[in-house]
Amino acid sequence: MKKNTNLSEAELRAGHRKRLRERFLADPQALPDYELLELALGCVYLRRDNKILAKRLLAHFGSFGALLAAPSEELTGVEDCGPAVDSFLCLLREIIARSQQSNVQRKRSVILTDLVEMGRLRLMHCSDEEVWAALLDNQKRLLIFKKIRRGSPNHVALEPRDVVELMMKYHATGVVLMHNHPGGSYTPSPEDKTLTEKIARVLQPLGLYMYDHVIITPEASYSMRHGYCIELSKRDILNMPE
């Protein structure tokens, strides 16, 4: 008996998605980037062919990392990319950031690159400046990584008492502050330097220690204490001072 080849568009899409999913499960690394993204976009747009959109997104942003860091306004500039994609990427970022934070919290002692990588996952996509604090105990274990303040695209207000109150609340003895520069420059401003010195002076008489203040951008991170750019790809071991 001759098979019916007059399949509907929906049936063709379903068959393609099923085959793509089976190929992924058989060997995840075998899928090219656009097919992996196409498969992920199937969670967003259930009844449409996502191959073209996947190719457009990768062509526009160049990599998964750049796509995950993309601000909402840039996503809307890609044809057929609606708010649902932005929400989906936000969900992925949150899952990845929590996974990284969990990995760092399991370590018996952390180093600066552990914290900076965790901070980049939180901050590199933010369109407004935010200040986060990595709170540490006296054995340099991460207690919590928490947002303190959110500001505007070029400014965020912070007072030393904000840091003191947070450290007291979680019984922390040390802190690494992090904030982002959405404009892309990791160079600390005069205000950044003044604030860092002020916070360090307030903490010292209380027996608390500020290990570093790190500026995060999508491309790089800068240690204000050490005075140099932190290149995560080199995996330098940057032990924090005693």
C-alpha atoms as a PDB file:
ATOM      1  CA  MET A   1       0.000   0.000   0.000  1.00  0.00           C
ATOM      2  CA  LYS A   2       1.358   3.414  -0.937  1.00  0.00           C
ATOM      3  CA  LYS A   3       2.108   5.667   2.039  1.00  0.00           C
ATOM      4  CA  ASN A   4       0.395   9.050   2.286  1.00  0.00           C
ATOM      5  CA  THR A   5       3.040  11.684   1.551  1.00  0.00           C
ATOM      6  CA  ASN A   6       0.670  14.649   1.812  1.00  0.00           C
ATOM      7  CA  LEU A   7       1.736  15.595   5.312  1.00  0.00           C
ATOM      8  CA  SER A   8       0.687  18.900   6.807  1.00  0.00           C
ATOM      9  CA  GLU A   9       3.236  21.592   7.664  1.00  0.00           C
ATOM     10  CA  ALA A  10       2.665  20.928  11.376  1.00  0.00           C
ATOM     11  CA  GLU A  11       3.345  17.215  10.905  1.00  0.00           C
ATOM     12  CA  LEU A  12       6.539  17.965   8.977  1.00  0.00           C
ATOM     13  CA  ARG A  13       7.753  20.284  11.737  1.00  0.00           C
ATOM     14  CA  ALA A  14       6.946  17.703  14.386  1.00  0.00           C
ATOM     15  CA  GLY A  15       8.863  15.046  12.485  1.00  0.00           C
ATOM     16  CA  HIS A  16      11.880  17.324  12.029  1.00  0.00           C
ATOM     17  CA  ARG A  17      11.911  18.271  15.707  1.00  0.00           C
ATOM     18  CA  LYS A  18      11.660  14.645  16.771  1.00  0.00           C
ATOM     19  CA  ARG A  19      14.605  13.682  14.575  1.00  0.00           C
ATOM     20  CA  LEU A  20      16.619  16.650  15.823  1.00  0.00           C
ATOM     21  CA  ARG A  21      15.910  15.702  19.435  1.00  0.00           C
ATOM     22  CA  GLU A  22      16.898  12.088  18.771  1.00  0.00           C
ATOM     23  CA  ARG A  23      20.181  13.197  17.178  1.00  0.00           C
ATOM     24  CA  PHE A  24      20.872  15.429  20.186  1.00  0.00           C
ATOM     25  CA  LEU A  25      20.205  12.648  22.683  1.00  0.00           C
ATOM     26  CA  ALA A  26      22.392  10.243  20.715  1.00  0.00           C
ATOM     27  CA  ASP A  27      25.356  12.648  20.622  1.00  0.00           C
ATOM     28  CA  PRO A  28      24.834  16.214  21.945  1.00  0.00           C
ATOM     29  CA  GLN A  29      28.212  17.450  20.699  1.00  0.00           C
ATOM     30  CA  ALA A  30      27.492  16.345  17.143  1.00  0.00           C
ATOM     31  CA  LEU A  31      24.898  19.079  16.576  1.00  0.00           C
ATOM     32  CA  PRO A  32      26.178  22.328  15.045  1.00  0.00           C
ATOM     33  CA  ASP A  33      25.471  25.494  17.036  1.00  0.00           C
ATOM     34  CA  TYR A  34      22.472  26.578  14.977  1.00  0.00           C
ATOM     35  CA  GLU A  35      20.724  23.211  15.404  1.00  0.00           C
ATOM     36  CA  LEU A  36      21.365  23.237  19.150  1.00  0.00           C
ATOM     37  CA  LEU A  37      19.846  26.715  19.342  1.00  0.00           C
ATOM     38  CA  GLU A  38      16.996  25.638  17.058  1.00  0.00           C
ATOM     39  CA  LEU A  39      16.211  22.805  19.448  1.00  0.00           C
ATOM     40  CA  ALA A  40      16.237  25.203  22.415  1.00  0.00           C
ATOM     41  CA  LEU A  41      13.981  27.684  20.617  1.00  0.00           C
ATOM     42  CA  GLY A  42      11.463  24.870  20.237  1.00  0.00           C
ATOM     43  CA  CYS A  43      10.699  25.484  23.930  1.00  0.00           C
ATOM     44  CA  VAL A  44       9.759  29.073  23.036  1.00  0.00           C
ATOM     45  CA  TYR A  45       7.943  28.747  19.715  1.00  0.00           C
ATOM     46  CA  LEU A  46       6.241  25.375  19.738  1.00  0.00           C
ATOM     47  CA  ARG A  47       4.487  25.542  16.391  1.00  0.00           C
ATOM     48  CA  ARG A  48       7.006  27.133  14.103  1.00  0.00           C
ATOM     49  CA  ASP A  49      10.216  26.345  12.243  1.00  0.00           C
ATOM     50  CA  ASN A  50      13.015  27.886  14.302  1.00  0.00           C
ATOM     51  CA  LYS A  51      15.985  27.087  12.077  1.00  0.00           C
ATOM     52  CA  ILE A  52      16.074  30.488  10.353  1.00  0.00           C
ATOM     53  CA  LEU A  53      15.739  32.373  13.635  1.00  0.00           C
ATOM     54  CA  ALA A  54      18.535  30.301  15.186  1.00  0.00           C
ATOM     55  CA  LYS A  55      20.827  31.142  12.267  1.00  0.00           C
ATOM     56  CA  ARG A  56      19.896  34.829  12.425  1.00  0.00           C
ATOM     57  CA  LEU A  57      20.636  35.044  16.152  1.00  0.00           C
ATOM     58  CA  LEU A  58      24.024  33.360  15.840  1.00  0.00           C
ATOM     59  CA  ALA A  59      24.931  35.463  12.806  1.00  0.00           C
ATOM     60  CA  HIS A  60      24.004  38.634  14.674  1.00  0.00           C
ATOM     61  CA  PHE A  61      25.672  37.879  18.010  1.00  0.00           C
ATOM     62  CA  GLY A  62      28.444  35.534  16.883  1.00  0.00           C
ATOM     63  CA  SER A  63      28.398  33.092  19.803  1.00  0.00           C
ATOM     64  CA  PHE A  64      26.252  31.581  22.539  1.00  0.00           C
ATOM     65  CA  GLY A  65      28.053  33.696  25.130  1.00  0.00           C
ATOM     66  CA  ALA A  66      27.263  36.951  23.332  1.00  0.00           C
ATOM     67  CA  LEU A  67      23.665  35.833  22.797  1.00  0.00           C
ATOM     68  CA  LEU A  68      23.176  35.053  26.487  1.00  0.00           C
ATOM     69  CA  ALA A  69      24.628  38.458  27.382  1.00  0.00           C
ATOM     70  CA  ALA A  70      22.475  40.321  24.845  1.00  0.00           C
ATOM     71  CA  PRO A  71      20.313  43.168  26.201  1.00  0.00           C
ATOM     72  CA  SER A  72      16.599  43.100  25.461  1.00  0.00           C
ATOM     73  CA  GLU A  73      16.715  46.045  23.068  1.00  0.00           C
ATOM     74  CA  GLU A  74      19.300  44.360  20.859  1.00  0.00           C
ATOM     75  CA  LEU A  75      17.320  41.121  20.691  1.00  0.00           C
ATOM     76  CA  THR A  76      14.294  42.972  19.380  1.00  0.00           C
ATOM     77  CA  GLY A  77      16.412  44.141  16.432  1.00  0.00           C
ATOM     78  CA  VAL A  78      16.647  40.570  15.119  1.00  0.00           C
ATOM     79  CA  GLU A  79      13.855  39.677  12.705  1.00  0.00           C
ATOM     80  CA  ASP A  80      11.153  37.377  14.161  1.00  0.00           C
ATOM     81  CA  CYS A  81      12.731  37.499  17.632  1.00  0.00           C
ATOM     82  CA  GLY A  82       9.985  38.362  20.100  1.00  0.00           C
ATOM     83  CA  PRO A  83       9.844  38.993  23.864  1.00  0.00           C
ATOM     84  CA  ALA A  84       9.468  35.259  24.512  1.00  0.00           C
ATOM     85  CA  VAL A  85      13.095  34.705  23.437  1.00  0.00           C
ATOM     86  CA  ASP A  86      14.275  37.399  25.840  1.00  0.00           C
ATOM     87  CA  SER A  87      12.359  35.718  28.681  1.00  0.00           C
ATOM     88  CA  PHE A  88      13.789  32.334  27.738  1.00  0.00           C
ATOM     89  CA  LEU A  89      17.373  33.661  27.701  1.00  0.00           C
ATOM     90  CA  CYS A  90      16.762  35.338  31.049  1.00  0.00           C
ATOM     91  CA  LEU A  91      15.681  31.971  32.429  1.00  0.00           C
ATOM     92  CA  LEU A  92      18.803  30.279  31.040  1.00  0.00           C
ATOM     93  CA  ARG A  93      21.051  32.976  32.516  1.00  0.00           C
ATOM     94  CA  GLU A  94      19.475  32.538  35.932  1.00  0.00           C
ATOM     95  CA  ILE A  95      19.907  28.752  35.821  1.00  0.00           C
ATOM     96  CA  ILE A  96      23.566  29.081  34.743  1.00  0.00           C
ATOM     97  CA  ALA A  97      24.303  31.775  37.346  1.00  0.00           C
ATOM     98  CA  ARG A  98      22.770  29.727  40.165  1.00  0.00           C
ATOM     99  CA  SER A  99      24.663  26.639  39.057  1.00  0.00           C
ATOM    100  CA  GLN A 100      27.975  28.522  39.115  1.00  0.00           C
ATOM    101  CA  GLN A 101      27.212  30.051  42.521  1.00  0.00           C
ATOM    102  CA  SER A 102      26.358  26.622  43.897  1.00  0.00           C
ATOM    103  CA  ASN A 103      29.665  25.233  42.600  1.00  0.00           C
ATOM    104  CA  VAL A 104      31.612  28.051  44.266  1.00  0.00           C
ATOM    105  CA  GLN A 105      29.744  27.658  47.571  1.00  0.00           C
ATOM    106  CA  ARG A 106      30.744  23.995  47.707  1.00  0.00           C
ATOM    107  CA  LYS A 107      34.457  24.881  47.667  1.00  0.00           C
ATOM    108  CA  ARG A 108      36.367  24.779  50.947  1.00  0.00           C
ATOM    109  CA  SER A 109      38.208  27.956  49.989  1.00  0.00           C
ATOM    110  CA  VAL A 110      37.660  30.262  47.035  1.00  0.00           C
ATOM    111  CA  ILE A 111      40.033  32.305  44.909  1.00  0.00           C
ATOM    112  CA  LEU A 112      39.332  35.570  43.156  1.00  0.00           C
ATOM    113  CA  THR A 113      38.762  34.043  39.725  1.00  0.00           C
ATOM    114  CA  ASP A 114      36.026  31.801  41.167  1.00  0.00           C
ATOM    115  CA  LEU A 115      34.172  34.875  42.379  1.00  0.00           C
ATOM    116  CA  VAL A 116      34.778  36.960  39.261  1.00  0.00           C
ATOM    117  CA  GLU A 117      33.451  34.258  36.967  1.00  0.00           C
ATOM    118  CA  MET A 118      30.382  34.002  39.182  1.00  0.00           C
ATOM    119  CA  GLY A 119      29.984  37.781  39.054  1.00  0.00           C
ATOM    120  CA  ARG A 120      30.325  37.956  35.280  1.00  0.00           C
ATOM    121  CA  LEU A 121      27.465  35.501  34.845  1.00  0.00           C
ATOM    122  CA  ARG A 122      25.291  37.791  36.947  1.00  0.00           C
ATOM    123  CA  LEU A 123      26.373  41.193  35.689  1.00  0.00           C
ATOM    124  CA  MET A 124      27.720  41.095  32.142  1.00  0.00           C
ATOM    125  CA  HIS A 125      24.238  41.389  30.567  1.00  0.00           C
ATOM    126  CA  CYS A 126      22.831  44.100  32.863  1.00  0.00           C
ATOM    127  CA  SER A 127      21.888  47.406  31.226  1.00  0.00           C
ATOM    128  CA  ASP A 128      21.962  49.263  34.584  1.00  0.00           C
ATOM    129  CA  GLU A 129      24.785  49.377  37.107  1.00  0.00           C
ATOM    130  CA  GLU A 130      24.375  46.957  40.000  1.00  0.00           C
ATOM    131  CA  VAL A 131      26.502  46.306  43.094  1.00  0.00           C
ATOM    132  CA  TRP A 132      26.833  42.742  44.380  1.00  0.00           C
ATOM    133  CA  ALA A 133      28.700  41.414  47.400  1.00  0.00           C
ATOM    134  CA  ALA A 134      30.421  38.046  47.726  1.00  0.00           C
ATOM    135  CA  LEU A 135      30.468  37.452  51.476  1.00  0.00           C
ATOM    136  CA  LEU A 136      33.174  35.170  52.883  1.00  0.00           C
ATOM    137  CA  ASP A 137      33.899  33.568  56.241  1.00  0.00           C
ATOM    138  CA  ASN A 138      37.333  33.521  57.852  1.00  0.00           C
ATOM    139  CA  GLN A 139      38.282  30.392  55.906  1.00  0.00           C
ATOM    140  CA  LYS A 140      37.464  32.135  52.593  1.00  0.00           C
ATOM    141  CA  ARG A 141      34.371  30.079  51.944  1.00  0.00           C
ATOM    142  CA  LEU A 142      31.531  31.770  50.100  1.00  0.00           C
ATOM    143  CA  LEU A 143      28.550  32.356  52.363  1.00  0.00           C
ATOM    144  CA  ILE A 144      26.304  34.179  49.906  1.00  0.00           C
ATOM    145  CA  PHE A 145      26.455  36.283  46.747  1.00  0.00           C
ATOM    146  CA  LYS A 146      23.870  39.015  47.022  1.00  0.00           C
ATOM    147  CA  LYS A 147      22.800  42.179  45.189  1.00  0.00           C
ATOM    148  CA  ILE A 148      23.061  45.315  47.311  1.00  0.00           C
ATOM    149  CA  ARG A 149      21.931  48.092  44.975  1.00  0.00           C
ATOM    150  CA  ARG A 150      20.707  48.755  41.433  1.00  0.00           C
ATOM    151  CA  GLY A 151      21.137  52.137  39.775  1.00  0.00           C
ATOM    152  CA  SER A 152      21.078  53.730  36.333  1.00  0.00           C
ATOM    153  CA  PRO A 153      23.130  52.895  33.193  1.00  0.00           C
ATOM    154  CA  ASN A 154      26.029  55.035  34.462  1.00  0.00           C
ATOM    155  CA  HIS A 155      25.679  55.278  38.246  1.00  0.00           C
ATOM    156  CA  VAL A 156      24.761  53.290  41.317  1.00  0.00           C
ATOM    157  CA  ALA A 157      24.683  54.681  44.860  1.00  0.00           C
ATOM    158  CA  LEU A 158      26.288  52.778  47.727  1.00  0.00           C
ATOM    159  CA  GLU A 159      27.119  53.648  51.315  1.00  0.00           C
ATOM    160  CA  PRO A 160      29.597  51.832  53.590  1.00  0.00           C
ATOM    161  CA  ARG A 161      26.796  51.061  56.055  1.00  0.00           C
ATOM    162  CA  ASP A 162      25.073  48.991  53.335  1.00  0.00           C
ATOM    163  CA  VAL A 163      28.110  46.699  53.246  1.00  0.00           C
ATOM    164  CA  VAL A 164      28.538  46.616  57.032  1.00  0.00           C
ATOM    165  CA  GLU A 165      24.887  45.719  57.648  1.00  0.00           C
ATOM    166  CA  LEU A 166      25.009  42.922  55.086  1.00  0.00           C
ATOM    167  CA  MET A 167      28.220  41.459  56.507  1.00  0.00           C
ATOM    168  CA  MET A 168      26.818  41.568  60.040  1.00  0.00           C
ATOM    169  CA  LYS A 169      23.578  39.919  58.947  1.00  0.00           C
ATOM    170  CA  TYR A 170      25.388  36.923  57.411  1.00  0.00           C
ATOM    171  CA  HIS A 171      28.267  36.824  59.944  1.00  0.00           C
ATOM    172  CA  ALA A 172      30.836  37.413  57.215  1.00  0.00           C
ATOM    173  CA  THR A 173      34.428  38.457  57.925  1.00  0.00           C
ATOM    174  CA  GLY A 174      35.404  39.352  54.360  1.00  0.00           C
ATOM    175  CA  VAL A 175      33.791  40.729  51.212  1.00  0.00           C
ATOM    176  CA  VAL A 176      34.540  41.076  47.513  1.00  0.00           C
ATOM    177  CA  LEU A 177      32.416  43.821  45.992  1.00  0.00           C
ATOM    178  CA  MET A 178      31.518  43.727  42.317  1.00  0.00           C
ATOM    179  CA  HIS A 179      29.733  46.170  40.071  1.00  0.00           C
ATOM    180  CA  ASN A 180      29.267  46.423  36.326  1.00  0.00           C
ATOM    181  CA  HIS A 181      29.990  49.138  33.787  1.00  0.00           C
ATOM    182  CA  PRO A 182      27.335  48.696  31.056  1.00  0.00           C
ATOM    183  CA  GLY A 183      29.233  51.112  28.807  1.00  0.00           C
ATOM    184  CA  GLY A 184      32.011  48.575  28.375  1.00  0.00           C
ATOM    185  CA  SER A 185      34.991  50.323  30.003  1.00  0.00           C
ATOM    186  CA  TYR A 186      36.451  48.489  32.982  1.00  0.00           C
ATOM    187  CA  THR A 187      38.534  51.475  34.079  1.00  0.00           C
ATOM    188  CA  PRO A 188      37.491  52.550  37.600  1.00  0.00           C
ATOM    189  CA  SER A 189      36.164  56.072  37.915  1.00  0.00           C
ATOM    190  CA  PRO A 190      37.447  58.475  40.596  1.00  0.00           C
ATOM    191  CA  GLU A 191      34.164  57.856  42.434  1.00  0.00           C
ATOM    192  CA  ASP A 192      34.794  54.087  42.326  1.00  0.00           C
ATOM    193  CA  LYS A 193      38.229  54.563  43.885  1.00  0.00           C
ATOM    194  CA  THR A 194      36.996  56.955  46.571  1.00  0.00           C
ATOM    195  CA  LEU A 195      34.125  54.664  47.541  1.00  0.00           C
ATOM    196  CA  THR A 196      36.384  51.609  47.708  1.00  0.00           C
ATOM    197  CA  GLU A 197      38.839  53.356  50.027  1.00  0.00           C
ATOM    198  CA  LYS A 198      36.010  54.660  52.187  1.00  0.00           C
ATOM    199  CA  ILE A 199      34.423  51.233  52.641  1.00  0.00           C
ATOM    200  CA  ALA A 200      37.783  49.613  53.444  1.00  0.00           C
ATOM    201  CA  ARG A 201      38.465  52.240  56.135  1.00  0.00           C
ATOM    202  CA  VAL A 202      35.059  51.713  57.740  1.00  0.00           C
ATOM    203  CA  LEU A 203      35.415  47.911  57.798  1.00  0.00           C
ATOM    204  CA  GLN A 204      38.912  47.720  59.253  1.00  0.00           C
ATOM    205  CA  PRO A 205      38.144  48.886  62.846  1.00  0.00           C
ATOM    206  CA  LEU A 206      35.277  46.391  62.945  1.00  0.00           C
ATOM    207  CA  GLY A 207      37.597  43.479  62.219  1.00  0.00           C
ATOM    208  CA  LEU A 208      36.109  43.076  58.748  1.00  0.00           C
ATOM    209  CA  TYR A 209      38.064  42.958  55.506  1.00  0.00           C
ATOM    210  CA  MET A 210      37.370  44.019  51.943  1.00  0.00           C
ATOM    211  CA  TYR A 211      39.437  41.697  49.770  1.00  0.00           C
ATOM    212  CA  ASP A 212      38.701  43.440  46.485  1.00  0.00           C
ATOM    213  CA  HIS A 213      36.342  45.557  44.431  1.00  0.00           C
ATOM    214  CA  VAL A 214      35.949  44.197  40.905  1.00  0.00           C
ATOM    215  CA  ILE A 215      34.507  46.015  37.902  1.00  0.00           C
ATOM    216  CA  ILE A 216      32.668  43.764  35.437  1.00  0.00           C
ATOM    217  CA  THR A 217      32.080  44.398  31.721  1.00  0.00           C
ATOM    218  CA  PRO A 218      30.880  41.982  29.019  1.00  0.00           C
ATOM    219  CA  GLU A 219      34.455  41.583  27.746  1.00  0.00           C
ATOM    220  CA  ALA A 220      36.666  41.914  30.827  1.00  0.00           C
ATOM    221  CA  SER A 221      36.943  42.356  34.577  1.00  0.00           C
ATOM    222  CA  TYR A 222      39.228  44.631  36.580  1.00  0.00           C
ATOM    223  CA  SER A 223      40.579  44.101  40.093  1.00  0.00           C
ATOM    224  CA  MET A 224      40.809  47.455  41.849  1.00  0.00           C
ATOM    225  CA  ARG A 225      42.927  46.011  44.652  1.00  0.00           C
ATOM    226  CA  HIS A 226      45.466  44.356  42.372  1.00  0.00           C
ATOM    227  CA  GLY A 227      45.237  46.994  39.677  1.00  0.00           C
ATOM    228  CA  TYR A 228      45.014  44.801  36.592  1.00  0.00           C
ATOM    229  CA  CYS A 229      42.630  43.186  34.183  1.00  0.00           C
ATOM    230  CA  ILE A 230      41.544  39.658  35.121  1.00  0.00           C
ATOM    231  CA  GLU A 231      41.647  37.326  32.134  1.00  0.00           C
ATOM    232  CA  LEU A 232      39.520  34.338  33.063  1.00  0.00           C
ATOM    233  CA  SER A 233      40.609  32.343  30.023  1.00  0.00           C
ATOM    234  CA  LYS A 234      44.112  32.022  31.484  1.00  0.00           C
ATOM    235  CA  ARG A 235      42.725  30.608  34.748  1.00  0.00           C
ATOM    236  CA  ASP A 236      45.286  32.514  36.805  1.00  0.00           C
ATOM    237  CA  ILE A 237      45.351  31.535  40.464  1.00  0.00           C
ATOM    238  CA  LEU A 238      44.781  34.863  42.225  1.00  0.00           C
ATOM    239  CA  ASN A 239      44.886  34.072  45.924  1.00  0.00           C
ATOM    240  CA  MET A 240      43.299  36.710  48.068  1.00  0.00           C
ATOM    241  CA  PRO A 241      45.431  38.211  50.863  1.00  0.00           C
ATOM    242  CA  GLU A 242      45.255  36.856  54.380  1.00  0.00           C
END
